[in-house]
Amino acid sequence: MPLTLAAACHSELLIQKSRFIGCVEPVPDRAAALARVAALRAQHPTATHVCWALLAGGQSAAVDDGEPGGTAGRPMLEVLRRQQLEGVLATVVRYFGGVKLGAGGLVRAYTDSVAQALLKAEKVPLQRLQALRCSVPYALEGLLRREIEAAGFNLGEVRHGSLVELSFTGPEDRTAAFVARINELGQGKVGWLRAE
């Protein structure tokens, strides 16, 4: 079973006067990774490079951001692959210290930055989420909201019309039991819709 990270973890290395700030964190997809990289660029406007690697199924990527080709993004991606991670973004912000490290030195610096951050990271099994959507009478909205929260599911959009439509997500392996429970509590008043 693939693993992901419970939370973001950081590392910081000083190598030949260059500062390497590493971070590994869970991200759901490439869009979230790009947003995180953009935030890092804004947070570190004077950094020389913001290199990153994403392991997220078909959306994986390795970006050297101006470092010599293959010395940053790909080595970082390989560290994630060796750990059998999925849905994880690794970033390294580099402040150049004036001493060139050479290709081998850069590969070591970027892989070490990611590896050091991963040493502190809590790895957790990756859960596949399933989107659900249902409609209920107004009288059942509060009950359904409490059940969604109690089950640890994530409530999304709620629409109020003649009925209340709730969209939410939960771990794929627990949705069948959840649906059965809601059907029982709803006494035939819960309508299941196709998730958007």
C-alpha atoms as a PDB file:
ATOM      1  CA  MET A   1       0.000   0.000   0.000  1.00  0.00           C
ATOM      2  CA  PRO A   2       1.425   3.422  -0.937  1.00  0.00           C
ATOM      3  CA  LEU A   3       2.200   5.879   1.826  1.00  0.00           C
ATOM      4  CA  THR A   4       1.797   9.616   2.118  1.00  0.00           C
ATOM      5  CA  LEU A   5       2.809  12.082   4.812  1.00  0.00           C
ATOM      6  CA  ALA A   6       0.735  13.139   7.803  1.00  0.00           C
ATOM      7  CA  ALA A   7       2.102  16.708   7.719  1.00  0.00           C
ATOM      8  CA  ALA A   8       4.827  18.893   6.256  1.00  0.00           C
ATOM      9  CA  CYS A   9       8.393  18.443   7.557  1.00  0.00           C
ATOM     10  CA  HIS A  10      11.392  20.697   6.982  1.00  0.00           C
ATOM     11  CA  SER A  11      15.176  20.502   6.887  1.00  0.00           C
ATOM     12  CA  GLU A  12      17.926  23.046   6.495  1.00  0.00           C
ATOM     13  CA  LEU A  13      21.480  22.367   5.312  1.00  0.00           C
ATOM     14  CA  LEU A  14      24.463  24.681   4.888  1.00  0.00           C
ATOM     15  CA  ILE A  15      26.863  23.385   2.232  1.00  0.00           C
ATOM     16  CA  GLN A  16      29.831  25.487   1.048  1.00  0.00           C
ATOM     17  CA  LYS A  17      28.033  28.675   2.173  1.00  0.00           C
ATOM     18  CA  SER A  18      24.860  27.771   0.209  1.00  0.00           C
ATOM     19  CA  ARG A  19      21.676  27.390   2.232  1.00  0.00           C
ATOM     20  CA  PHE A  20      19.278  24.585   1.258  1.00  0.00           C
ATOM     21  CA  ILE A  21      15.808  24.707   2.847  1.00  0.00           C
ATOM     22  CA  GLY A  22      13.987  21.429   2.224  1.00  0.00           C
ATOM     23  CA  CYS A  23      10.350  20.553   2.741  1.00  0.00           C
ATOM     24  CA  VAL A  24       8.269  17.439   2.128  1.00  0.00           C
ATOM     25  CA  GLU A  25       4.488  17.653   2.402  1.00  0.00           C
ATOM     26  CA  PRO A  26       1.323  15.894   1.328  1.00  0.00           C
ATOM     27  CA  VAL A  27      -0.442  17.366  -1.724  1.00  0.00           C
ATOM     28  CA  PRO A  28      -3.413  15.950  -3.629  1.00  0.00           C
ATOM     29  CA  ASP A  29      -2.389  16.939  -7.167  1.00  0.00           C
ATOM     30  CA  ARG A  30      -0.245  19.052  -9.499  1.00  0.00           C
ATOM     31  CA  ALA A  31      -2.416  22.167  -9.104  1.00  0.00           C
ATOM     32  CA  ALA A  32      -1.865  22.143  -5.331  1.00  0.00           C
ATOM     33  CA  ALA A  33       1.875  21.564  -5.875  1.00  0.00           C
ATOM     34  CA  LEU A  34       2.150  24.519  -8.272  1.00  0.00           C
ATOM     35  CA  ALA A  35       0.296  26.737  -5.785  1.00  0.00           C
ATOM     36  CA  ARG A  36       2.699  25.668  -3.010  1.00  0.00           C
ATOM     37  CA  VAL A  37       5.767  26.350  -5.197  1.00  0.00           C
ATOM     38  CA  ALA A  38       4.380  29.799  -6.098  1.00  0.00           C
ATOM     39  CA  ALA A  39       3.875  30.525  -2.383  1.00  0.00           C
ATOM     40  CA  LEU A  40       7.492  29.513  -1.680  1.00  0.00           C
ATOM     41  CA  ARG A  41       8.759  31.832  -4.432  1.00  0.00           C
ATOM     42  CA  ALA A  42       6.783  34.697  -2.836  1.00  0.00           C
ATOM     43  CA  GLN A  43       8.069  33.747   0.634  1.00  0.00           C
ATOM     44  CA  HIS A  44      11.714  33.594  -0.568  1.00  0.00           C
ATOM     45  CA  PRO A  45      11.986  36.327  -3.248  1.00  0.00           C
ATOM     46  CA  THR A  46      15.799  36.493  -3.047  1.00  0.00           C
ATOM     47  CA  ALA A  47      16.361  32.726  -3.313  1.00  0.00           C
ATOM     48  CA  THR A  48      18.458  31.605  -6.273  1.00  0.00           C
ATOM     49  CA  HIS A  49      16.423  28.441  -6.994  1.00  0.00           C
ATOM     50  CA  VAL A  50      13.176  26.796  -5.891  1.00  0.00           C
ATOM     51  CA  CYS A  51      13.520  23.214  -7.101  1.00  0.00           C
ATOM     52  CA  TRP A  52      10.765  20.668  -6.636  1.00  0.00           C
ATOM     53  CA  ALA A  53       9.594  17.131  -7.261  1.00  0.00           C
ATOM     54  CA  LEU A  54       6.058  15.789  -7.137  1.00  0.00           C
ATOM     55  CA  LEU A  55       5.054  12.147  -6.853  1.00  0.00           C
ATOM     56  CA  ALA A  56       1.313  12.024  -7.544  1.00  0.00           C
ATOM     57  CA  GLY A  57       0.394   9.277  -9.977  1.00  0.00           C
ATOM     58  CA  GLY A  58       0.178  10.552 -13.548  1.00  0.00           C
ATOM     59  CA  GLN A  59       0.849  14.115 -12.378  1.00  0.00           C
ATOM     60  CA  SER A  60       4.424  13.547 -11.195  1.00  0.00           C
ATOM     61  CA  ALA A  61       7.075  16.147 -12.046  1.00  0.00           C
ATOM     62  CA  ALA A  62      10.718  17.067 -11.463  1.00  0.00           C
ATOM     63  CA  VAL A  63      11.820  20.705 -11.876  1.00  0.00           C
ATOM     64  CA  ASP A  64      15.446  21.927 -11.695  1.00  0.00           C
ATOM     65  CA  ASP A  65      14.536  25.657 -11.760  1.00  0.00           C
ATOM     66  CA  GLY A  66      17.740  26.814 -13.418  1.00  0.00           C
ATOM     67  CA  GLU A  67      20.134  24.320 -11.816  1.00  0.00           C
ATOM     68  CA  PRO A  68      22.056  22.156 -14.331  1.00  0.00           C
ATOM     69  CA  GLY A  69      19.690  19.570 -15.865  1.00  0.00           C
ATOM     70  CA  GLY A  70      19.152  16.468 -13.740  1.00  0.00           C
ATOM     71  CA  THR A  71      20.924  17.770 -10.622  1.00  0.00           C
ATOM     72  CA  ALA A  72      17.893  18.740  -8.504  1.00  0.00           C
ATOM     73  CA  GLY A  73      14.359  17.687  -9.494  1.00  0.00           C
ATOM     74  CA  ARG A  74      15.084  14.132 -10.644  1.00  0.00           C
ATOM     75  CA  PRO A  75      17.280  13.188  -7.674  1.00  0.00           C
ATOM     76  CA  MET A  76      14.609  14.588  -5.332  1.00  0.00           C
ATOM     77  CA  LEU A  77      11.928  12.556  -7.138  1.00  0.00           C
ATOM     78  CA  GLU A  78      14.033   9.389  -6.755  1.00  0.00           C
ATOM     79  CA  VAL A  79      14.204   9.899  -2.977  1.00  0.00           C
ATOM     80  CA  LEU A  80      10.383  10.019  -2.871  1.00  0.00           C
ATOM     81  CA  ARG A  81      10.110   6.917  -5.095  1.00  0.00           C
ATOM     82  CA  ARG A  82      12.507   4.895  -2.923  1.00  0.00           C
ATOM     83  CA  GLN A  83      10.303   5.670   0.094  1.00  0.00           C
ATOM     84  CA  GLN A  84       7.228   4.391  -1.833  1.00  0.00           C
ATOM     85  CA  LEU A  85       5.415   7.667  -1.319  1.00  0.00           C
ATOM     86  CA  GLU A  86       2.404   8.981  -3.216  1.00  0.00           C
ATOM     87  CA  GLY A  87       0.753  12.402  -3.143  1.00  0.00           C
ATOM     88  CA  VAL A  88       3.929  14.077  -1.836  1.00  0.00           C
ATOM     89  CA  LEU A  89       5.676  17.293  -2.876  1.00  0.00           C
ATOM     90  CA  ALA A  90       9.370  17.839  -2.120  1.00  0.00           C
ATOM     91  CA  THR A  91      10.729  21.374  -2.420  1.00  0.00           C
ATOM     92  CA  VAL A  92      14.191  22.791  -1.839  1.00  0.00           C
ATOM     93  CA  VAL A  93      14.816  26.535  -1.711  1.00  0.00           C
ATOM     94  CA  ARG A  94      18.482  27.368  -2.391  1.00  0.00           C
ATOM     95  CA  TYR A  95      20.290  30.546  -1.457  1.00  0.00           C
ATOM     96  CA  PHE A  96      23.584  30.501  -3.405  1.00  0.00           C
ATOM     97  CA  GLY A  97      26.608  31.066  -1.188  1.00  0.00           C
ATOM     98  CA  GLY A  98      29.160  31.899  -3.890  1.00  0.00           C
ATOM     99  CA  VAL A  99      30.865  28.494  -4.130  1.00  0.00           C
ATOM    100  CA  LYS A 100      29.943  26.226  -7.060  1.00  0.00           C
ATOM    101  CA  LEU A 101      29.237  22.650  -5.935  1.00  0.00           C
ATOM    102  CA  GLY A 102      29.505  20.855  -9.293  1.00  0.00           C
ATOM    103  CA  ALA A 103      26.926  18.377 -10.588  1.00  0.00           C
ATOM    104  CA  GLY A 104      27.734  15.671  -8.019  1.00  0.00           C
ATOM    105  CA  GLY A 105      27.659  18.160  -5.152  1.00  0.00           C
ATOM    106  CA  LEU A 106      24.291  19.528  -6.271  1.00  0.00           C
ATOM    107  CA  VAL A 107      22.762  16.045  -6.535  1.00  0.00           C
ATOM    108  CA  ARG A 108      23.983  15.232  -3.006  1.00  0.00           C
ATOM    109  CA  ALA A 109      22.763  18.562  -1.602  1.00  0.00           C
ATOM    110  CA  TYR A 110      19.255  18.237  -3.051  1.00  0.00           C
ATOM    111  CA  THR A 111      18.841  14.545  -2.171  1.00  0.00           C
ATOM    112  CA  ASP A 112      20.173  15.146   1.359  1.00  0.00           C
ATOM    113  CA  SER A 113      17.755  18.061   1.871  1.00  0.00           C
ATOM    114  CA  VAL A 114      14.784  15.858   0.976  1.00  0.00           C
ATOM    115  CA  ALA A 115      16.115  12.826   2.877  1.00  0.00           C
ATOM    116  CA  GLN A 116      16.685  14.898   6.054  1.00  0.00           C
ATOM    117  CA  ALA A 117      13.128  16.256   5.920  1.00  0.00           C
ATOM    118  CA  LEU A 118      11.753  12.725   5.383  1.00  0.00           C
ATOM    119  CA  LEU A 119      13.580  11.462   8.489  1.00  0.00           C
ATOM    120  CA  LYS A 120      11.264  13.640  10.599  1.00  0.00           C
ATOM    121  CA  ALA A 121       8.099  12.889   8.606  1.00  0.00           C
ATOM    122  CA  GLU A 122       5.310  10.613   9.794  1.00  0.00           C
ATOM    123  CA  LYS A 123       4.294   8.277   6.989  1.00  0.00           C
ATOM    124  CA  VAL A 124       0.673   7.148   6.854  1.00  0.00           C
ATOM    125  CA  PRO A 125      -1.198   4.796   4.494  1.00  0.00           C
ATOM    126  CA  LEU A 126      -2.688   6.652   1.549  1.00  0.00           C
ATOM    127  CA  GLN A 127      -6.454   6.450   1.602  1.00  0.00           C
ATOM    128  CA  ARG A 128      -8.440   6.715  -1.590  1.00  0.00           C
ATOM    129  CA  LEU A 129     -11.341   9.096  -1.181  1.00  0.00           C
ATOM    130  CA  GLN A 130     -14.786   8.682  -2.647  1.00  0.00           C
ATOM    131  CA  ALA A 131     -17.092  11.603  -3.387  1.00  0.00           C
ATOM    132  CA  LEU A 132     -20.708  11.272  -2.249  1.00  0.00           C
ATOM    133  CA  ARG A 133     -23.749  13.488  -2.736  1.00  0.00           C
ATOM    134  CA  CYS A 134     -27.229  13.196  -1.322  1.00  0.00           C
ATOM    135  CA  SER A 135     -30.410  15.176  -0.796  1.00  0.00           C
ATOM    136  CA  VAL A 136     -32.392  15.229   2.438  1.00  0.00           C
ATOM    137  CA  PRO A 137     -35.332  17.151   3.885  1.00  0.00           C
ATOM    138  CA  TYR A 138     -34.365  20.182   5.984  1.00  0.00           C
ATOM    139  CA  ALA A 139     -35.273  18.280   9.156  1.00  0.00           C
ATOM    140  CA  LEU A 140     -32.428  15.781   8.495  1.00  0.00           C
ATOM    141  CA  GLU A 141     -29.698  18.301   7.588  1.00  0.00           C
ATOM    142  CA  GLY A 142     -28.359  18.628  11.153  1.00  0.00           C
ATOM    143  CA  LEU A 143     -28.314  14.865  11.661  1.00  0.00           C
ATOM    144  CA  LEU A 144     -26.448  14.300   8.389  1.00  0.00           C
ATOM    145  CA  ARG A 145     -23.903  17.038   9.166  1.00  0.00           C
ATOM    146  CA  ARG A 146     -23.214  15.434  12.582  1.00  0.00           C
ATOM    147  CA  GLU A 147     -22.835  11.971  11.021  1.00  0.00           C
ATOM    148  CA  ILE A 148     -20.451  13.300   8.347  1.00  0.00           C
ATOM    149  CA  GLU A 149     -18.296  14.938  11.034  1.00  0.00           C
ATOM    150  CA  ALA A 150     -18.416  11.910  13.362  1.00  0.00           C
ATOM    151  CA  ALA A 151     -17.305   9.618  10.528  1.00  0.00           C
ATOM    152  CA  GLY A 152     -14.328  11.884   9.779  1.00  0.00           C
ATOM    153  CA  PHE A 153     -15.621  12.679   6.292  1.00  0.00           C
ATOM    154  CA  ASN A 154     -15.083  16.103   4.696  1.00  0.00           C
ATOM    155  CA  LEU A 155     -18.167  18.185   4.002  1.00  0.00           C
ATOM    156  CA  GLY A 156     -18.034  20.115   0.739  1.00  0.00           C
ATOM    157  CA  GLU A 157     -20.765  22.130  -0.934  1.00  0.00           C
ATOM    158  CA  VAL A 158     -24.231  22.416   0.627  1.00  0.00           C
ATOM    159  CA  ARG A 159     -27.147  23.654  -1.515  1.00  0.00           C
ATOM    160  CA  HIS A 160     -30.509  24.680  -0.110  1.00  0.00           C
ATOM    161  CA  GLY A 161     -33.499  24.303  -2.417  1.00  0.00           C
ATOM    162  CA  SER A 162     -36.694  22.320  -1.954  1.00  0.00           C
ATOM    163  CA  LEU A 163     -34.341  19.785  -0.344  1.00  0.00           C
ATOM    164  CA  VAL A 164     -30.831  20.152   1.086  1.00  0.00           C
ATOM    165  CA  GLU A 165     -28.070  18.719  -1.139  1.00  0.00           C
ATOM    166  CA  LEU A 166     -24.808  17.869   0.589  1.00  0.00           C
ATOM    167  CA  SER A 167     -21.563  16.899  -1.143  1.00  0.00           C
ATOM    168  CA  PHE A 168     -18.817  15.219   0.889  1.00  0.00           C
ATOM    169  CA  THR A 169     -15.867  12.862   0.626  1.00  0.00           C
ATOM    170  CA  GLY A 170     -14.660   9.994   2.754  1.00  0.00           C
ATOM    171  CA  PRO A 171     -12.266   7.050   2.668  1.00  0.00           C
ATOM    172  CA  GLU A 172     -13.353   4.660  -0.091  1.00  0.00           C
ATOM    173  CA  ASP A 173     -13.190   1.615   2.190  1.00  0.00           C
ATOM    174  CA  ARG A 174     -15.669   3.168   4.672  1.00  0.00           C
ATOM    175  CA  THR A 175     -18.278   4.690   2.352  1.00  0.00           C
ATOM    176  CA  ALA A 176     -20.492   1.579   1.964  1.00  0.00           C
ATOM    177  CA  ALA A 177     -20.967   1.275   5.743  1.00  0.00           C
ATOM    178  CA  PHE A 178     -21.562   5.028   6.004  1.00  0.00           C
ATOM    179  CA  VAL A 179     -24.225   4.983   3.262  1.00  0.00           C
ATOM    180  CA  ALA A 180     -25.964   2.031   4.959  1.00  0.00           C
ATOM    181  CA  ARG A 181     -25.984   3.886   8.299  1.00  0.00           C
ATOM    182  CA  ILE A 182     -27.383   7.083   6.743  1.00  0.00           C
ATOM    183  CA  ASN A 183     -30.070   5.110   4.880  1.00  0.00           C
ATOM    184  CA  GLU A 184     -31.114   3.505   8.164  1.00  0.00           C
ATOM    185  CA  LEU A 185     -31.162   6.801  10.091  1.00  0.00           C
ATOM    186  CA  GLY A 186     -32.920   8.607   7.247  1.00  0.00           C
ATOM    187  CA  GLN A 187     -35.747   6.047   7.096  1.00  0.00           C
ATOM    188  CA  GLY A 188     -36.081   6.254   3.321  1.00  0.00           C
ATOM    189  CA  LYS A 189     -35.852  10.052   3.128  1.00  0.00           C
ATOM    190  CA  VAL A 190     -32.255  10.204   1.850  1.00  0.00           C
ATOM    191  CA  GLY A 191     -31.800  10.458  -1.911  1.00  0.00           C
ATOM    192  CA  TRP A 192     -28.353   9.568  -3.265  1.00  0.00           C
ATOM    193  CA  LEU A 193     -27.203  11.604  -6.266  1.00  0.00           C
ATOM    194  CA  ARG A 194     -24.323  11.198  -8.654  1.00  0.00           C
ATOM    195  CA  ALA A 195     -21.281  12.995  -7.218  1.00  0.00           C
ATOM    196  CA  GLU A 196     -20.156  15.913  -9.388  1.00  0.00           C
END
